N, C-alpha and C. Protein backbone atom coordinates (compact mmCIF):
# COMPACT_ATOMS: atom_id res chain seq x y z
N MET A 1 112.38 52.44 230.70
CA MET A 1 111.97 52.43 229.33
C MET A 1 111.92 53.85 228.82
N THR A 2 113.28 53.93 227.44
CA THR A 2 113.16 54.71 226.81
C THR A 2 111.51 55.05 226.02
N HIS A 3 111.70 56.26 225.27
CA HIS A 3 110.19 57.13 224.95
C HIS A 3 109.86 55.94 223.82
N GLY A 4 111.20 55.63 222.87
CA GLY A 4 110.77 54.72 222.21
C GLY A 4 109.84 53.51 222.48
N ASP A 5 110.58 53.06 223.47
CA ASP A 5 109.58 51.36 223.72
C ASP A 5 108.68 51.58 224.28
N ASP A 6 108.61 52.87 225.47
CA ASP A 6 107.03 53.33 225.88
C ASP A 6 105.88 53.30 224.83
N ILE A 7 106.44 54.03 223.53
CA ILE A 7 105.94 54.29 222.40
C ILE A 7 105.58 52.98 221.41
N ARG A 8 106.25 51.95 221.84
CA ARG A 8 105.75 51.00 220.78
C ARG A 8 105.00 49.97 221.78
N ASP A 9 104.79 49.83 222.82
CA ASP A 9 104.25 49.40 223.94
C ASP A 9 102.78 49.81 224.09
N LEU A 10 102.62 50.80 223.84
CA LEU A 10 101.20 51.88 223.70
C LEU A 10 100.74 51.00 222.72
N LEU A 11 101.70 51.01 221.43
CA LEU A 11 100.94 50.52 219.82
C LEU A 11 101.10 49.05 219.94
N GLY A 12 101.46 48.37 220.70
CA GLY A 12 100.86 46.67 221.20
C GLY A 12 99.87 46.74 221.59
N ARG A 13 99.89 47.53 222.95
CA ARG A 13 98.45 47.27 223.49
C ARG A 13 96.96 48.20 223.24
N TYR A 14 97.31 48.95 222.14
CA TYR A 14 96.16 49.79 221.86
C TYR A 14 94.78 48.86 220.69
N ALA A 15 95.44 47.54 220.24
CA ALA A 15 93.98 46.96 219.26
C ALA A 15 93.34 46.21 220.07
N THR A 16 94.04 45.95 221.81
CA THR A 16 93.25 45.35 222.40
C THR A 16 92.30 45.56 223.57
N GLY A 17 93.10 47.67 223.62
CA GLY A 17 91.52 48.03 223.90
C GLY A 17 92.35 48.55 225.56
N PRO A 18 93.10 48.54 226.17
CA PRO A 18 93.80 48.60 227.37
C PRO A 18 94.10 49.87 228.06
N LEU A 19 94.21 50.93 227.03
CA LEU A 19 94.71 52.00 227.47
C LEU A 19 93.64 53.05 227.48
N THR A 20 94.50 54.03 228.51
CA THR A 20 93.95 55.21 229.06
C THR A 20 93.36 56.13 227.79
N SER A 21 92.88 57.39 228.26
CA SER A 21 92.86 58.63 227.31
C SER A 21 93.99 59.15 227.27
N ALA A 22 94.55 59.33 228.41
CA ALA A 22 96.07 60.04 228.32
C ALA A 22 97.31 59.30 227.50
N GLU A 23 97.27 57.83 227.59
CA GLU A 23 98.07 56.89 227.17
C GLU A 23 97.95 56.86 224.99
N ARG A 24 96.18 57.08 225.16
CA ARG A 24 96.28 56.68 224.26
C ARG A 24 95.98 58.35 222.91
N GLU A 25 96.31 59.52 224.02
CA GLU A 25 96.83 60.73 223.48
C GLU A 25 97.80 61.07 222.47
N ARG A 26 99.07 60.09 223.52
CA ARG A 26 100.79 60.51 223.83
C ARG A 26 100.68 59.38 222.44
N LEU A 27 100.12 58.32 222.32
CA LEU A 27 100.25 57.77 220.72
C LEU A 27 100.01 57.68 219.75
N PHE A 28 98.71 58.94 219.53
CA PHE A 28 98.57 60.08 218.45
C PHE A 28 99.58 60.65 218.39
N ASP A 29 100.02 61.70 219.13
CA ASP A 29 100.33 63.12 219.23
C ASP A 29 101.93 62.30 218.50
N ALA A 30 102.44 61.42 219.19
CA ALA A 30 103.92 60.30 218.93
C ALA A 30 103.90 60.17 217.16
N ALA A 31 102.66 59.35 216.65
CA ALA A 31 102.30 58.64 214.86
C ALA A 31 101.77 59.81 214.64
N LEU A 32 101.72 61.25 214.92
CA LEU A 32 102.12 62.42 214.17
C LEU A 32 103.52 62.83 213.48
N SER A 33 104.16 62.76 214.50
CA SER A 33 105.43 63.24 214.32
C SER A 33 106.45 61.88 213.45
N ASP A 34 105.93 60.98 213.46
CA ASP A 34 106.74 59.73 212.73
C ASP A 34 106.29 58.88 212.07
N GLN A 35 106.41 58.70 210.57
CA GLN A 35 105.75 58.09 209.79
C GLN A 35 105.31 56.61 209.78
N ASP A 36 106.25 56.01 210.28
CA ASP A 36 106.48 55.06 210.15
C ASP A 36 105.49 54.49 211.56
N LEU A 37 105.41 54.93 212.69
CA LEU A 37 104.75 54.60 213.71
C LEU A 37 103.56 55.33 213.12
N PHE A 38 102.65 56.09 212.39
CA PHE A 38 101.88 56.58 211.92
C PHE A 38 101.26 54.96 211.08
N GLU A 39 101.80 54.55 210.57
CA GLU A 39 101.52 53.19 209.14
C GLU A 39 101.12 52.05 210.62
N GLU A 40 101.76 51.88 211.18
CA GLU A 40 101.93 50.89 211.73
C GLU A 40 100.54 50.94 212.40
N LEU A 41 100.61 52.59 213.08
CA LEU A 41 98.91 52.96 213.99
C LEU A 41 97.89 52.51 213.31
N ALA A 42 97.96 52.71 211.75
CA ALA A 42 96.57 52.42 210.81
C ALA A 42 96.29 50.95 210.59
N ARG A 43 97.51 50.18 210.31
CA ARG A 43 97.16 48.47 210.76
C ARG A 43 96.77 48.06 211.95
N GLU A 44 97.08 48.61 212.73
CA GLU A 44 96.04 48.44 214.28
C GLU A 44 94.98 48.74 214.41
N GLN A 45 94.47 49.72 214.30
CA GLN A 45 93.14 50.38 214.06
C GLN A 45 92.41 49.41 212.96
N GLU A 46 92.79 48.56 212.26
CA GLU A 46 91.73 47.86 211.45
C GLU A 46 91.92 46.64 212.11
N PHE A 47 93.20 46.24 213.11
CA PHE A 47 93.12 45.39 213.54
C PHE A 47 92.47 45.37 214.72
N LYS A 48 92.21 46.76 215.71
CA LYS A 48 91.04 47.06 216.48
C LYS A 48 89.72 46.97 216.28
N MET A 49 89.18 47.44 214.61
CA MET A 49 87.85 47.30 214.55
C MET A 49 87.57 45.57 214.02
N LEU A 50 88.58 45.01 213.91
CA LEU A 50 88.13 44.24 213.55
C LEU A 50 87.75 43.29 215.19
N LEU A 51 88.72 43.28 215.92
CA LEU A 51 88.36 42.61 217.34
C LEU A 51 87.42 43.19 218.25
N ASP A 52 86.56 44.88 217.81
CA ASP A 52 85.60 45.31 218.87
C ASP A 52 84.04 44.50 217.80
N GLN A 53 84.64 43.89 217.46
CA GLN A 53 83.45 43.47 216.93
C GLN A 53 82.79 42.05 217.65
N PRO A 54 81.05 42.30 217.84
CA PRO A 54 80.47 41.08 218.60
C PRO A 54 81.34 39.68 218.43
N GLY A 55 81.65 39.20 219.54
CA GLY A 55 82.35 37.39 219.39
C GLY A 55 83.09 37.01 218.61
N ALA A 56 84.00 38.61 218.41
CA ALA A 56 85.32 38.27 216.99
C ALA A 56 86.24 38.05 218.40
N ARG A 57 86.48 38.30 219.44
CA ARG A 57 87.74 37.84 220.33
C ARG A 57 87.65 36.35 220.80
N ASP A 58 86.20 35.54 220.76
CA ASP A 58 85.93 34.59 221.26
C ASP A 58 85.94 33.72 220.16
N ARG A 59 85.90 34.41 218.56
CA ARG A 59 86.06 33.27 217.50
C ARG A 59 87.70 33.26 217.42
N MET A 60 88.69 33.98 217.52
CA MET A 60 89.94 34.02 217.55
C MET A 60 90.69 33.47 218.41
N ILE A 61 89.93 33.27 219.34
CA ILE A 61 90.56 32.47 220.69
C ILE A 61 90.45 31.23 220.06
N ARG A 62 88.91 30.65 219.44
CA ARG A 62 89.01 29.48 219.46
C ARG A 62 90.14 28.95 218.31
N ALA A 63 89.99 29.37 217.41
CA ALA A 63 90.88 29.63 215.76
C ALA A 63 92.55 29.90 216.60
N LEU A 64 92.91 30.11 217.86
CA LEU A 64 93.97 30.08 218.07
C LEU A 64 94.30 28.96 218.86
N ARG A 65 93.61 27.92 219.52
CA ARG A 65 93.78 27.25 220.46
C ARG A 65 94.42 25.89 219.92
N ALA A 66 95.26 25.35 220.22
CA ALA A 66 95.40 23.97 219.61
C ALA A 66 94.72 22.37 219.57
N PRO A 67 94.53 22.27 218.19
CA PRO A 67 93.54 21.31 217.79
C PRO A 67 93.42 20.17 219.06
N ALA A 68 92.22 19.24 219.24
CA ALA A 68 92.30 18.46 219.91
C ALA A 68 93.23 17.13 218.89
N ARG A 69 93.17 16.69 220.10
CA ARG A 69 94.38 14.83 219.92
C ARG A 69 92.34 14.09 219.40
N ARG A 70 93.20 13.85 217.82
CA ARG A 70 91.98 12.69 217.29
C ARG A 70 92.85 11.83 217.17
N GLY A 71 93.67 11.32 217.75
CA GLY A 71 94.42 9.92 217.09
C GLY A 71 93.95 8.84 217.97
N ALA A 72 93.56 9.50 218.98
CA ALA A 72 92.73 8.63 220.36
C ALA A 72 91.07 7.86 219.29
N TRP A 73 90.29 9.10 218.89
CA TRP A 73 88.70 8.73 218.19
C TRP A 73 88.96 7.85 217.07
N ILE A 74 90.34 8.51 216.36
CA ILE A 74 90.43 7.44 215.05
C ILE A 74 90.82 6.19 216.00
N LEU A 75 92.18 5.82 216.44
CA LEU A 75 92.74 4.48 217.29
C LEU A 75 91.08 3.65 217.27
N SER A 76 89.75 4.34 218.56
CA SER A 76 89.05 3.42 218.92
C SER A 76 88.08 3.11 217.75
N THR A 77 87.77 4.06 217.04
CA THR A 77 86.39 3.80 215.41
C THR A 77 87.25 2.81 214.83
N ALA A 78 89.00 2.23 214.90
CA ALA A 78 89.24 1.49 214.17
C ALA A 78 89.05 0.39 214.90
N VAL A 79 89.15 0.49 216.22
CA VAL A 79 89.56 -1.24 216.54
C VAL A 79 87.68 -0.89 216.73
N VAL A 80 86.74 -0.36 216.38
CA VAL A 80 85.29 -1.27 216.94
C VAL A 80 85.27 -1.49 215.54
N THR A 81 85.47 -0.99 214.79
CA THR A 81 85.35 -1.89 213.24
C THR A 81 85.77 -2.80 212.84
N ALA A 82 86.71 -3.14 213.44
CA ALA A 82 87.91 -4.04 213.35
C ALA A 82 86.62 -5.29 214.14
N LEU A 83 86.71 -5.19 215.46
CA LEU A 83 85.92 -6.11 216.13
C LEU A 83 84.67 -6.67 215.53
N SER A 84 84.00 -5.55 215.03
CA SER A 84 82.78 -5.88 214.16
C SER A 84 82.63 -6.55 212.49
N ILE A 85 83.32 -6.18 212.32
CA ILE A 85 84.10 -7.48 211.37
C ILE A 85 84.45 -8.85 211.74
N ALA A 86 85.13 -8.80 212.49
CA ALA A 86 85.21 -10.15 212.86
C ALA A 86 83.91 -10.65 213.75
N LEU A 87 83.24 -9.87 214.00
CA LEU A 87 82.20 -10.64 214.32
C LEU A 87 80.54 -11.03 213.19
N VAL A 88 80.74 -10.29 211.85
CA VAL A 88 80.01 -10.61 211.68
C VAL A 88 80.43 -11.86 210.57
N ALA A 89 81.90 -11.82 210.69
CA ALA A 89 82.92 -13.40 209.57
C ALA A 89 82.22 -14.44 210.50
N PHE A 90 82.25 -14.27 212.26
CA PHE A 90 82.07 -15.14 212.98
C PHE A 90 80.75 -15.72 212.91
N LEU A 91 79.57 -15.01 212.74
CA LEU A 91 78.29 -15.12 212.87
C LEU A 91 77.95 -16.26 211.06
N LEU A 92 78.57 -15.43 210.51
CA LEU A 92 78.07 -15.75 209.27
C LEU A 92 79.27 -17.02 208.28
N ARG A 93 80.14 -17.73 209.55
CA ARG A 93 80.67 -18.52 208.73
C ARG A 93 79.60 -19.35 208.63
N PRO A 94 80.02 -20.43 207.58
CA PRO A 94 78.80 -22.07 207.65
C PRO A 94 79.77 -22.82 208.83
N SER A 95 78.57 -23.39 209.15
CA SER A 95 78.67 -24.13 210.18
C SER A 95 78.66 -25.77 210.36
N SER A 96 79.65 -25.85 211.00
CA SER A 96 80.31 -28.01 210.54
C SER A 96 79.13 -28.59 211.54
N LYS A 97 78.56 -28.96 211.15
CA LYS A 97 77.58 -30.29 212.01
C LYS A 97 78.34 -30.93 212.50
N PRO A 98 78.15 -31.97 213.28
CA PRO A 98 78.35 -32.66 214.21
C PRO A 98 79.25 -33.78 213.90
N PRO A 99 79.63 -34.59 213.87
CA PRO A 99 79.94 -35.84 212.81
C PRO A 99 78.87 -36.87 213.55
N GLN A 100 78.19 -37.78 212.03
CA GLN A 100 76.86 -38.52 212.57
C GLN A 100 77.78 -39.91 213.11
N ILE A 101 77.84 -40.27 214.77
CA ILE A 101 77.95 -41.63 214.64
C ILE A 101 77.12 -43.06 214.73
N ALA A 102 77.25 -43.64 214.31
CA ALA A 102 76.22 -44.81 214.14
C ALA A 102 76.48 -45.83 215.26
N ILE A 103 75.10 -46.23 216.00
CA ILE A 103 75.49 -46.82 216.89
C ILE A 103 74.72 -48.53 217.05
N ALA A 104 75.55 -49.37 216.54
CA ALA A 104 75.03 -50.58 216.45
C ALA A 104 74.25 -51.23 217.72
N THR A 105 72.99 -51.48 217.96
CA THR A 105 72.41 -52.03 218.87
C THR A 105 72.23 -53.82 218.06
N ALA A 106 71.90 -54.39 219.43
CA ALA A 106 71.35 -55.75 219.07
C ALA A 106 70.04 -55.51 219.11
N PRO A 107 69.90 -56.39 217.72
CA PRO A 107 68.42 -56.87 217.22
C PRO A 107 67.28 -57.56 218.60
N PRO A 108 66.37 -57.31 218.23
CA PRO A 108 65.66 -57.65 219.54
C PRO A 108 65.15 -59.32 219.50
N ALA A 109 65.61 -59.55 219.91
CA ALA A 109 65.45 -61.67 219.99
C ALA A 109 63.81 -61.67 219.71
N PRO A 110 64.13 -63.01 218.74
CA PRO A 110 62.44 -63.08 218.11
C PRO A 110 61.99 -63.57 219.20
N ALA A 111 60.38 -63.54 219.38
CA ALA A 111 59.73 -63.94 220.13
C ALA A 111 59.54 -65.78 220.06
N VAL A 112 59.26 -66.58 221.59
CA VAL A 112 59.58 -67.83 221.18
C VAL A 112 57.86 -68.25 221.85
N ALA A 113 57.38 -69.44 220.87
CA ALA A 113 56.38 -69.93 221.88
C ALA A 113 56.69 -70.81 222.81
N VAL A 114 56.04 -70.53 223.62
CA VAL A 114 55.95 -71.09 225.19
C VAL A 114 55.40 -72.75 225.30
N SER A 115 54.47 -72.84 224.79
CA SER A 115 53.47 -74.14 224.11
C SER A 115 55.12 -74.97 223.19
N GLU A 116 55.97 -74.45 222.79
CA GLU A 116 56.80 -75.62 222.05
C GLU A 116 58.41 -74.72 222.39
N PRO A 117 59.18 -75.97 222.86
CA PRO A 117 60.31 -75.59 223.04
C PRO A 117 61.21 -75.85 221.84
N ALA A 118 62.05 -75.30 221.99
CA ALA A 118 62.83 -74.15 220.60
C ALA A 118 63.53 -76.11 220.19
N PRO A 119 64.09 -76.19 218.85
CA PRO A 119 64.74 -77.97 219.09
C PRO A 119 66.11 -77.90 219.23
N VAL A 120 66.80 -78.42 219.54
CA VAL A 120 68.12 -78.84 219.76
C VAL A 120 68.93 -79.80 218.91
N PRO A 121 69.58 -78.68 218.60
CA PRO A 121 70.41 -79.47 217.60
C PRO A 121 71.14 -80.88 217.46
N GLU A 122 71.03 -81.58 216.36
CA GLU A 122 71.92 -83.04 217.12
C GLU A 122 73.50 -83.11 216.00
N PRO A 123 74.30 -83.30 217.43
CA PRO A 123 75.21 -83.24 216.89
C PRO A 123 76.32 -83.96 215.70
N VAL A 124 76.67 -83.32 214.66
CA VAL A 124 77.18 -83.79 213.39
C VAL A 124 78.13 -84.53 213.90
N ALA A 125 78.18 -85.82 213.18
CA ALA A 125 79.26 -86.56 213.10
C ALA A 125 80.97 -86.16 212.18
N THR A 126 81.53 -86.09 212.74
CA THR A 126 82.57 -85.78 212.18
C THR A 126 83.84 -87.10 212.14
N PRO A 127 84.63 -87.08 211.61
CA PRO A 127 85.86 -88.08 211.83
C PRO A 127 86.36 -88.07 212.69
N SER A 128 86.58 -87.16 213.19
CA SER A 128 87.24 -87.00 215.43
C SER A 128 86.14 -87.39 215.75
N ALA A 129 84.93 -87.19 215.45
CA ALA A 129 83.78 -88.00 216.32
C ALA A 129 83.90 -89.50 216.84
N ALA A 130 83.63 -90.19 215.48
CA ALA A 130 84.16 -91.68 215.56
C ALA A 130 85.03 -92.14 216.21
N LYS A 131 85.81 -91.23 216.58
CA LYS A 131 87.51 -92.15 217.44
C LYS A 131 86.98 -91.35 219.34
N ARG A 132 85.67 -90.68 219.13
CA ARG A 132 85.53 -90.53 220.51
C ARG A 132 84.89 -91.10 221.53
N PRO A 133 84.98 -91.47 222.76
CA PRO A 133 84.23 -92.18 223.46
C PRO A 133 82.81 -91.46 223.88
N GLU A 134 81.76 -92.02 224.14
CA GLU A 134 80.60 -91.04 224.01
C GLU A 134 80.54 -90.21 225.10
N SER A 135 80.24 -89.67 225.43
CA SER A 135 79.89 -88.48 226.70
C SER A 135 79.09 -88.97 227.86
N PRO A 136 79.87 -89.22 228.79
CA PRO A 136 78.86 -89.81 230.13
C PRO A 136 77.39 -89.16 230.15
N VAL A 137 77.23 -87.98 229.53
CA VAL A 137 76.26 -86.96 230.07
C VAL A 137 75.46 -87.63 229.05
N ALA A 138 73.95 -88.34 229.20
CA ALA A 138 73.20 -88.41 228.27
C ALA A 138 72.41 -87.46 227.89
N GLN A 139 71.86 -87.41 226.68
CA GLN A 139 71.11 -85.72 226.20
C GLN A 139 69.95 -86.77 226.19
N PRO A 140 68.38 -85.26 227.14
CA PRO A 140 67.82 -85.97 226.49
C PRO A 140 66.94 -86.00 225.38
N SER A 141 65.97 -86.73 225.32
CA SER A 141 65.70 -87.41 223.77
C SER A 141 64.46 -85.69 223.86
N THR A 142 63.89 -85.84 221.81
CA THR A 142 63.01 -84.99 221.92
C THR A 142 61.93 -84.89 222.46
N ASP A 143 60.97 -86.63 222.46
CA ASP A 143 60.23 -86.61 223.02
C ASP A 143 59.67 -86.44 224.27
N ALA A 144 60.92 -86.79 224.94
CA ALA A 144 60.58 -86.51 226.35
C ALA A 144 60.73 -84.96 226.40
N ILE A 145 60.80 -84.42 225.88
CA ILE A 145 60.48 -83.12 226.43
C ILE A 145 59.64 -82.54 225.80
N LYS A 146 58.96 -83.09 225.09
CA LYS A 146 57.53 -82.82 224.23
C LYS A 146 56.49 -83.39 225.45
N LYS A 147 56.55 -84.06 225.98
CA LYS A 147 55.78 -84.45 227.04
C LYS A 147 55.62 -83.75 228.05
């Protein structure tokens, strides 16, 4: 390492603080003989004073960290919002009533009096009935049923 590189290394480490008193003395002596180095040392002194403030290093480290990825957070929020909207739309939709189906039931049979049987209708004579012979089965008369 040349003398100039060594001095530049001391200048770079000056603001962060790990210089021994002998290294610091060598840097200041070199700055007194080199105007450019003196001006750089003055700028580094301002930086050193800033870093020497309590908590300044921690704030600077946090500021220099890469920002956390927020894409997953935004995506999950969008999904939750979309699902919430879908749920509300589903719950607030007009309800469709099931179709009413008419069921036909037979009317109840009329009550028949037990003491009196229902009258038997008499056959109506039609022109074709006149040509037919009478049925061999005798029909009971209504007088016989009443007894």
